[in-house]
Amino acid sequence: MNARILALTLVLVVALGLAACSSDGEPGTDTGGAAGDAAGLRLAPGWHEMEDGTVQVIGTLEYVDLEGGFYAVTDGAGETFAVINNENGFATDLQALLGKQVSVTGARFDGMSIRMAGPEVIVEAIDEISDTPGAAE
């Protein structure tokens, strides 16, 4: 009888330990990490509100030839995650990154816009991201 109680207690302790080590967020929610962080993890494609008040948008950079044309971060299949608001300040970077997976960091644009394609982001930084790991150290 004591052996069964001890075995049951051990199973419960291991189960609770595993539960404590698991992620406490729901799937697809922002974990506050950065794209390509040291653990090799990154946020899923989409719009993510960060703890410091900035936003991070991850997806494919595309040029949309609508309403005068604009750059947008999309899922690659038609869903727009964000429209780039200040494209003039990043024109060279945007041209070089067209069609690539990118991580855009910036602030939500809350003003008026003629673009009716999705939320707009004022870019502070834009970087290409890749699923190909770098060289081993």
N, C-alpha and C. Protein backbone atom coordinates (compact mmCIF):
# COMPACT_ATOMS: atom_id res chain seq x y z
N MET A 1 0.82 -1.20 0.00
CA MET A 1 0.00 0.00 0.00
C MET A 1 0.87 1.26 0.00
N ASN A 2 1.92 1.26 0.84
CA ASN A 2 2.82 2.41 0.90
C ASN A 2 3.53 2.62 -0.43
N ALA A 3 3.85 1.53 -1.11
CA ALA A 3 4.54 1.62 -2.40
C ALA A 3 3.63 2.29 -3.43
N ARG A 4 2.35 1.98 -3.41
CA ARG A 4 1.41 2.59 -4.35
C ARG A 4 1.26 4.09 -4.08
N ILE A 5 1.17 4.46 -2.83
CA ILE A 5 1.04 5.87 -2.46
C ILE A 5 2.30 6.63 -2.89
N LEU A 6 3.46 6.04 -2.65
CA LEU A 6 4.72 6.65 -3.04
C LEU A 6 4.80 6.80 -4.57
N ALA A 7 4.39 5.79 -5.32
CA ALA A 7 4.42 5.84 -6.78
C ALA A 7 3.46 6.92 -7.29
N LEU A 8 2.26 7.00 -6.73
CA LEU A 8 1.29 8.00 -7.13
C LEU A 8 1.80 9.40 -6.82
N THR A 9 2.42 9.58 -5.66
CA THR A 9 2.99 10.88 -5.29
C THR A 9 4.09 11.28 -6.26
N LEU A 10 4.94 10.34 -6.62
CA LEU A 10 6.02 10.60 -7.56
C LEU A 10 5.48 11.01 -8.93
N VAL A 11 4.46 10.32 -9.40
CA VAL A 11 3.84 10.65 -10.69
C VAL A 11 3.26 12.06 -10.64
N LEU A 12 2.58 12.42 -9.57
CA LEU A 12 1.99 13.75 -9.44
C LEU A 12 3.06 14.84 -9.41
N VAL A 13 4.16 14.60 -8.71
CA VAL A 13 5.24 15.58 -8.63
C VAL A 13 5.86 15.79 -10.01
N VAL A 14 6.09 14.73 -10.75
CA VAL A 14 6.66 14.84 -12.10
C VAL A 14 5.69 15.58 -13.02
N ALA A 15 4.41 15.25 -12.94
CA ALA A 15 3.41 15.91 -13.78
C ALA A 15 3.33 17.40 -13.47
N LEU A 16 3.35 17.76 -12.21
CA LEU A 16 3.32 19.18 -11.84
C LEU A 16 4.58 19.89 -12.29
N GLY A 17 5.71 19.22 -12.20
CA GLY A 17 6.97 19.81 -12.67
C GLY A 17 6.95 20.06 -14.16
N LEU A 18 6.44 19.12 -14.92
CA LEU A 18 6.34 19.29 -16.37
C LEU A 18 5.37 20.42 -16.72
N ALA A 19 4.28 20.52 -16.00
CA ALA A 19 3.31 21.58 -16.26
C ALA A 19 3.91 22.94 -15.95
N ALA A 20 4.72 23.04 -14.92
CA ALA A 20 5.36 24.30 -14.56
C ALA A 20 6.39 24.72 -15.59
N CYS A 21 7.02 23.76 -16.26
CA CYS A 21 8.04 24.06 -17.27
C CYS A 21 7.44 24.40 -18.62
N SER A 22 6.19 24.06 -18.85
CA SER A 22 5.58 24.31 -20.16
C SER A 22 5.27 25.78 -20.30
N SER A 23 4.97 26.19 -21.56
CA SER A 23 4.61 27.58 -21.85
C SER A 23 3.31 27.92 -21.16
N ASP A 24 3.26 29.14 -20.59
CA ASP A 24 2.03 29.55 -19.93
C ASP A 24 1.15 30.38 -20.86
N GLY A 25 1.58 30.63 -22.11
CA GLY A 25 0.77 31.37 -23.07
C GLY A 25 -0.04 30.41 -23.93
N GLU A 26 -1.04 30.95 -24.59
CA GLU A 26 -1.83 30.14 -25.51
C GLU A 26 -1.13 30.10 -26.85
N PRO A 27 -1.38 29.07 -27.67
CA PRO A 27 -0.75 29.02 -28.98
C PRO A 27 -1.05 30.27 -29.80
N GLY A 28 -0.01 30.79 -30.46
CA GLY A 28 -0.18 31.95 -31.32
C GLY A 28 -0.15 33.27 -30.59
N THR A 29 0.11 33.28 -29.29
CA THR A 29 0.16 34.54 -28.57
C THR A 29 1.59 35.02 -28.47
N ASP A 30 1.75 36.29 -28.21
CA ASP A 30 3.05 36.93 -28.12
C ASP A 30 3.75 36.50 -26.84
N THR A 31 5.00 36.06 -26.98
CA THR A 31 5.76 35.67 -25.82
C THR A 31 6.77 36.73 -25.43
N GLY A 32 6.83 37.80 -26.20
CA GLY A 32 7.76 38.89 -25.89
C GLY A 32 9.15 38.64 -26.41
N GLY A 33 9.40 37.51 -27.08
CA GLY A 33 10.72 37.22 -27.62
C GLY A 33 10.96 38.00 -28.88
N ALA A 34 12.19 37.94 -29.34
CA ALA A 34 12.55 38.63 -30.58
C ALA A 34 12.77 37.62 -31.68
N ALA A 35 12.60 38.06 -32.91
CA ALA A 35 12.83 37.17 -34.04
C ALA A 35 14.27 36.71 -34.03
N GLY A 36 14.47 35.39 -34.15
CA GLY A 36 15.83 34.86 -34.20
C GLY A 36 16.57 35.00 -32.88
N ASP A 37 15.89 34.91 -31.75
CA ASP A 37 16.58 35.08 -30.47
C ASP A 37 17.55 33.94 -30.20
N ALA A 38 18.28 34.03 -29.11
CA ALA A 38 19.36 33.09 -28.82
C ALA A 38 18.89 31.65 -28.74
N ALA A 39 17.65 31.42 -28.35
CA ALA A 39 17.15 30.06 -28.23
C ALA A 39 16.76 29.48 -29.58
N GLY A 40 16.83 30.28 -30.65
CA GLY A 40 16.46 29.80 -31.97
C GLY A 40 14.96 29.84 -32.21
N LEU A 41 14.23 30.49 -31.35
CA LEU A 41 12.78 30.58 -31.49
C LEU A 41 12.42 31.97 -31.97
N ARG A 42 11.28 32.08 -32.65
CA ARG A 42 10.79 33.38 -33.04
C ARG A 42 9.28 33.36 -32.98
N LEU A 43 8.71 34.55 -33.03
CA LEU A 43 7.26 34.67 -33.02
C LEU A 43 6.69 34.16 -34.33
N ALA A 44 5.46 33.75 -34.29
CA ALA A 44 4.75 33.30 -35.50
C ALA A 44 4.48 34.50 -36.40
N PRO A 45 4.30 34.27 -37.70
CA PRO A 45 3.94 35.38 -38.57
C PRO A 45 2.68 36.08 -38.07
N GLY A 46 2.68 37.41 -38.17
CA GLY A 46 1.54 38.21 -37.73
C GLY A 46 1.97 39.47 -37.03
N TRP A 47 1.02 40.12 -36.40
CA TRP A 47 1.20 41.38 -35.68
C TRP A 47 1.30 41.06 -34.20
N HIS A 48 2.35 41.53 -33.53
CA HIS A 48 2.56 41.23 -32.12
C HIS A 48 2.80 42.52 -31.33
N GLU A 49 2.00 42.73 -30.31
CA GLU A 49 2.18 43.86 -29.40
C GLU A 49 3.26 43.46 -28.39
N MET A 50 4.31 44.26 -28.27
CA MET A 50 5.40 43.94 -27.36
C MET A 50 5.18 44.64 -26.01
N GLU A 51 5.87 44.15 -24.99
CA GLU A 51 5.69 44.68 -23.64
C GLU A 51 6.13 46.14 -23.52
N ASP A 52 7.09 46.56 -24.35
CA ASP A 52 7.60 47.94 -24.27
C ASP A 52 6.76 48.94 -25.06
N GLY A 53 5.63 48.50 -25.61
CA GLY A 53 4.73 49.39 -26.34
C GLY A 53 4.96 49.41 -27.84
N THR A 54 6.04 48.79 -28.31
CA THR A 54 6.26 48.71 -29.74
C THR A 54 5.47 47.53 -30.31
N VAL A 55 5.51 47.42 -31.63
CA VAL A 55 4.91 46.27 -32.29
C VAL A 55 5.98 45.58 -33.11
N GLN A 56 5.79 44.30 -33.32
CA GLN A 56 6.66 43.53 -34.19
C GLN A 56 5.76 42.79 -35.17
N VAL A 57 6.06 42.96 -36.45
CA VAL A 57 5.28 42.32 -37.49
C VAL A 57 6.20 41.37 -38.25
N ILE A 58 5.77 40.13 -38.38
CA ILE A 58 6.58 39.12 -39.06
C ILE A 58 5.78 38.56 -40.22
N GLY A 59 6.41 38.50 -41.39
CA GLY A 59 5.75 37.96 -42.56
C GLY A 59 6.56 38.23 -43.81
N THR A 60 5.89 38.15 -44.97
CA THR A 60 6.52 38.36 -46.26
C THR A 60 6.30 39.81 -46.69
N LEU A 61 7.38 40.48 -47.12
CA LEU A 61 7.25 41.86 -47.58
C LEU A 61 6.81 41.85 -49.04
N GLU A 62 5.71 42.56 -49.32
CA GLU A 62 5.18 42.63 -50.67
C GLU A 62 4.87 44.08 -51.03
N TYR A 63 4.87 44.37 -52.33
CA TYR A 63 4.42 45.66 -52.82
C TYR A 63 3.02 45.47 -53.37
N VAL A 64 2.08 46.26 -52.88
CA VAL A 64 0.69 46.16 -53.31
C VAL A 64 0.40 47.35 -54.21
N ASP A 65 0.04 47.09 -55.46
CA ASP A 65 -0.23 48.14 -56.44
C ASP A 65 -1.71 48.52 -56.37
N LEU A 66 -2.07 49.21 -55.30
CA LEU A 66 -3.44 49.62 -55.05
C LEU A 66 -3.40 50.99 -54.39
N GLU A 67 -4.29 51.88 -54.76
CA GLU A 67 -4.38 53.22 -54.16
C GLU A 67 -3.03 53.94 -54.17
N GLY A 68 -2.32 53.88 -55.30
CA GLY A 68 -1.03 54.54 -55.40
C GLY A 68 0.14 53.65 -55.05
N GLY A 69 -0.12 52.48 -54.51
CA GLY A 69 0.91 51.51 -54.18
C GLY A 69 1.46 51.69 -52.77
N PHE A 70 1.76 50.60 -52.13
CA PHE A 70 2.34 50.63 -50.78
C PHE A 70 2.98 49.29 -50.48
N TYR A 71 3.85 49.29 -49.49
CA TYR A 71 4.48 48.06 -49.02
C TYR A 71 3.66 47.50 -47.86
N ALA A 72 3.56 46.18 -47.84
CA ALA A 72 2.80 45.52 -46.77
C ALA A 72 3.51 44.24 -46.35
N VAL A 73 3.34 43.89 -45.10
CA VAL A 73 3.83 42.62 -44.59
C VAL A 73 2.62 41.69 -44.57
N THR A 74 2.75 40.56 -45.28
CA THR A 74 1.61 39.65 -45.45
C THR A 74 1.98 38.23 -45.02
N ASP A 75 0.98 37.36 -45.09
CA ASP A 75 1.24 35.95 -44.81
C ASP A 75 1.68 35.21 -46.07
N GLY A 76 1.80 35.93 -47.20
CA GLY A 76 2.20 35.32 -48.45
C GLY A 76 1.05 34.72 -49.23
N ALA A 77 -0.14 34.70 -48.62
CA ALA A 77 -1.31 34.10 -49.29
C ALA A 77 -2.48 35.07 -49.34
N GLY A 78 -2.23 36.36 -49.14
CA GLY A 78 -3.30 37.34 -49.29
C GLY A 78 -3.70 38.08 -48.03
N GLU A 79 -3.38 37.58 -46.86
CA GLU A 79 -3.75 38.29 -45.63
C GLU A 79 -2.68 39.32 -45.29
N THR A 80 -3.09 40.57 -45.12
CA THR A 80 -2.16 41.64 -44.77
C THR A 80 -2.08 41.78 -43.27
N PHE A 81 -0.85 41.69 -42.74
CA PHE A 81 -0.64 41.88 -41.30
C PHE A 81 -0.45 43.36 -40.98
N ALA A 82 0.26 44.08 -41.86
CA ALA A 82 0.54 45.49 -41.61
C ALA A 82 0.93 46.18 -42.90
N VAL A 83 0.63 47.48 -42.96
CA VAL A 83 1.04 48.34 -44.06
C VAL A 83 2.17 49.22 -43.53
N ILE A 84 3.22 49.37 -44.33
CA ILE A 84 4.35 50.22 -43.93
C ILE A 84 3.94 51.67 -44.14
N ASN A 85 4.00 52.47 -43.07
CA ASN A 85 3.54 53.85 -43.12
C ASN A 85 4.62 54.80 -43.63
N ASN A 86 5.84 54.62 -43.20
CA ASN A 86 6.91 55.56 -43.52
C ASN A 86 7.90 54.95 -44.51
N GLU A 87 7.40 54.49 -45.65
CA GLU A 87 8.23 53.78 -46.61
C GLU A 87 9.35 54.64 -47.19
N ASN A 88 9.19 55.96 -47.26
CA ASN A 88 10.23 56.81 -47.83
C ASN A 88 11.54 56.73 -47.06
N GLY A 89 11.48 56.57 -45.77
CA GLY A 89 12.69 56.48 -44.96
C GLY A 89 13.40 55.14 -45.08
N PHE A 90 12.76 54.16 -45.68
CA PHE A 90 13.33 52.82 -45.78
C PHE A 90 13.26 52.28 -47.22
N ALA A 91 13.19 53.17 -48.21
CA ALA A 91 12.97 52.76 -49.60
C ALA A 91 14.01 51.75 -50.09
N THR A 92 15.28 51.98 -49.82
CA THR A 92 16.33 51.06 -50.27
C THR A 92 16.19 49.70 -49.60
N ASP A 93 15.96 49.69 -48.30
CA ASP A 93 15.78 48.43 -47.57
C ASP A 93 14.56 47.67 -48.08
N LEU A 94 13.48 48.38 -48.29
CA LEU A 94 12.24 47.73 -48.73
C LEU A 94 12.41 47.09 -50.11
N GLN A 95 13.07 47.78 -51.03
CA GLN A 95 13.31 47.21 -52.36
C GLN A 95 14.14 45.93 -52.26
N ALA A 96 15.17 45.96 -51.42
CA ALA A 96 16.06 44.80 -51.28
C ALA A 96 15.37 43.61 -50.61
N LEU A 97 14.35 43.87 -49.81
CA LEU A 97 13.69 42.81 -49.04
C LEU A 97 12.39 42.31 -49.66
N LEU A 98 12.00 42.84 -50.81
CA LEU A 98 10.75 42.41 -51.45
C LEU A 98 10.71 40.91 -51.65
N GLY A 99 9.61 40.29 -51.23
CA GLY A 99 9.41 38.85 -51.39
C GLY A 99 10.09 38.00 -50.33
N LYS A 100 10.78 38.62 -49.40
CA LYS A 100 11.50 37.88 -48.36
C LYS A 100 10.75 37.93 -47.04
N GLN A 101 11.08 36.99 -46.16
CA GLN A 101 10.53 36.99 -44.81
C GLN A 101 11.22 38.08 -44.01
N VAL A 102 10.43 38.92 -43.35
CA VAL A 102 10.99 40.05 -42.62
C VAL A 102 10.40 40.14 -41.22
N SER A 103 11.14 40.85 -40.39
CA SER A 103 10.68 41.24 -39.06
C SER A 103 10.72 42.76 -39.02
N VAL A 104 9.57 43.38 -38.82
CA VAL A 104 9.46 44.84 -38.76
C VAL A 104 9.18 45.22 -37.32
N THR A 105 9.98 46.13 -36.79
CA THR A 105 9.77 46.64 -35.44
C THR A 105 9.43 48.12 -35.56
N GLY A 106 8.43 48.58 -34.82
CA GLY A 106 8.05 49.98 -34.89
C GLY A 106 6.91 50.30 -33.96
N ALA A 107 6.17 51.33 -34.35
CA ALA A 107 5.03 51.80 -33.55
C ALA A 107 3.76 51.74 -34.38
N ARG A 108 2.67 51.48 -33.74
CA ARG A 108 1.37 51.48 -34.42
C ARG A 108 1.05 52.91 -34.86
N PHE A 109 0.62 53.06 -36.11
CA PHE A 109 0.18 54.35 -36.63
C PHE A 109 -1.29 54.51 -36.30
N ASP A 110 -1.63 55.56 -35.56
CA ASP A 110 -3.02 55.76 -35.14
C ASP A 110 -3.71 56.89 -35.89
N GLY A 111 -3.02 57.52 -36.85
CA GLY A 111 -3.59 58.65 -37.58
C GLY A 111 -4.50 58.21 -38.71
N MET A 112 -4.89 59.17 -39.53
CA MET A 112 -5.76 58.93 -40.67
C MET A 112 -4.93 58.44 -41.86
N SER A 113 -5.51 57.59 -42.68
CA SER A 113 -4.81 57.06 -43.84
C SER A 113 -5.81 56.79 -44.96
N ILE A 114 -5.32 56.90 -46.21
CA ILE A 114 -6.18 56.55 -47.34
C ILE A 114 -6.10 55.06 -47.64
N ARG A 115 -5.09 54.39 -47.11
CA ARG A 115 -4.92 52.95 -47.35
C ARG A 115 -5.89 52.20 -46.44
N MET A 116 -6.68 51.38 -47.03
CA MET A 116 -7.64 50.60 -46.25
C MET A 116 -7.29 49.13 -46.40
N ALA A 117 -6.05 48.80 -46.04
CA ALA A 117 -5.56 47.44 -46.26
C ALA A 117 -5.19 46.74 -44.97
N GLY A 118 -5.20 47.42 -43.85
CA GLY A 118 -4.83 46.80 -42.59
C GLY A 118 -4.20 47.83 -41.68
N PRO A 119 -3.82 47.43 -40.48
CA PRO A 119 -3.18 48.36 -39.57
C PRO A 119 -1.85 48.84 -40.14
N GLU A 120 -1.46 50.05 -39.80
CA GLU A 120 -0.21 50.59 -40.31
C GLU A 120 0.82 50.65 -39.19
N VAL A 121 2.08 50.46 -39.60
CA VAL A 121 3.19 50.50 -38.66
C VAL A 121 4.20 51.53 -39.13
N ILE A 122 4.68 52.34 -38.18
CA ILE A 122 5.77 53.28 -38.44
C ILE A 122 7.05 52.52 -38.14
N VAL A 123 7.81 52.22 -39.18
CA VAL A 123 8.97 51.35 -39.07
C VAL A 123 10.12 52.05 -38.35
N GLU A 124 10.69 51.34 -37.37
CA GLU A 124 11.93 51.76 -36.74
C GLU A 124 13.09 50.90 -37.22
N ALA A 125 12.80 49.63 -37.51
CA ALA A 125 13.81 48.70 -38.02
C ALA A 125 13.12 47.61 -38.83
N ILE A 126 13.80 47.18 -39.89
CA ILE A 126 13.29 46.07 -40.69
C ILE A 126 14.47 45.18 -41.02
N ASP A 127 14.29 43.88 -40.78
CA ASP A 127 15.36 42.92 -40.98
C ASP A 127 14.83 41.67 -41.67
N GLU A 128 15.66 41.09 -42.52
CA GLU A 128 15.32 39.81 -43.12
C GLU A 128 15.49 38.72 -42.07
N ILE A 129 14.58 37.76 -42.07
CA ILE A 129 14.72 36.62 -41.18
C ILE A 129 14.76 35.36 -42.02
N SER A 130 15.39 34.34 -41.48
CA SER A 130 15.57 33.12 -42.22
C SER A 130 15.44 31.95 -41.28
N ASP A 131 14.96 30.84 -41.82
CA ASP A 131 14.89 29.62 -41.03
C ASP A 131 16.20 28.84 -41.11
N THR A 132 17.14 29.33 -41.91
CA THR A 132 18.43 28.67 -42.06
C THR A 132 19.34 29.12 -40.93
N PRO A 133 19.76 28.19 -40.06
CA PRO A 133 20.63 28.57 -38.96
C PRO A 133 22.00 28.97 -39.46
N GLY A 134 22.69 29.78 -38.67
CA GLY A 134 24.05 30.20 -39.01
C GLY A 134 25.04 29.08 -38.75
N ALA A 135 26.30 29.37 -38.99
CA ALA A 135 27.36 28.38 -38.81
C ALA A 135 27.51 28.04 -37.32
N ALA A 136 27.86 26.82 -37.07
CA ALA A 136 28.06 26.38 -35.67
C ALA A 136 29.29 27.07 -35.11
N GLU A 137 29.23 27.39 -33.83
CA GLU A 137 30.37 28.04 -33.18
C GLU A 137 31.33 27.04 -32.62
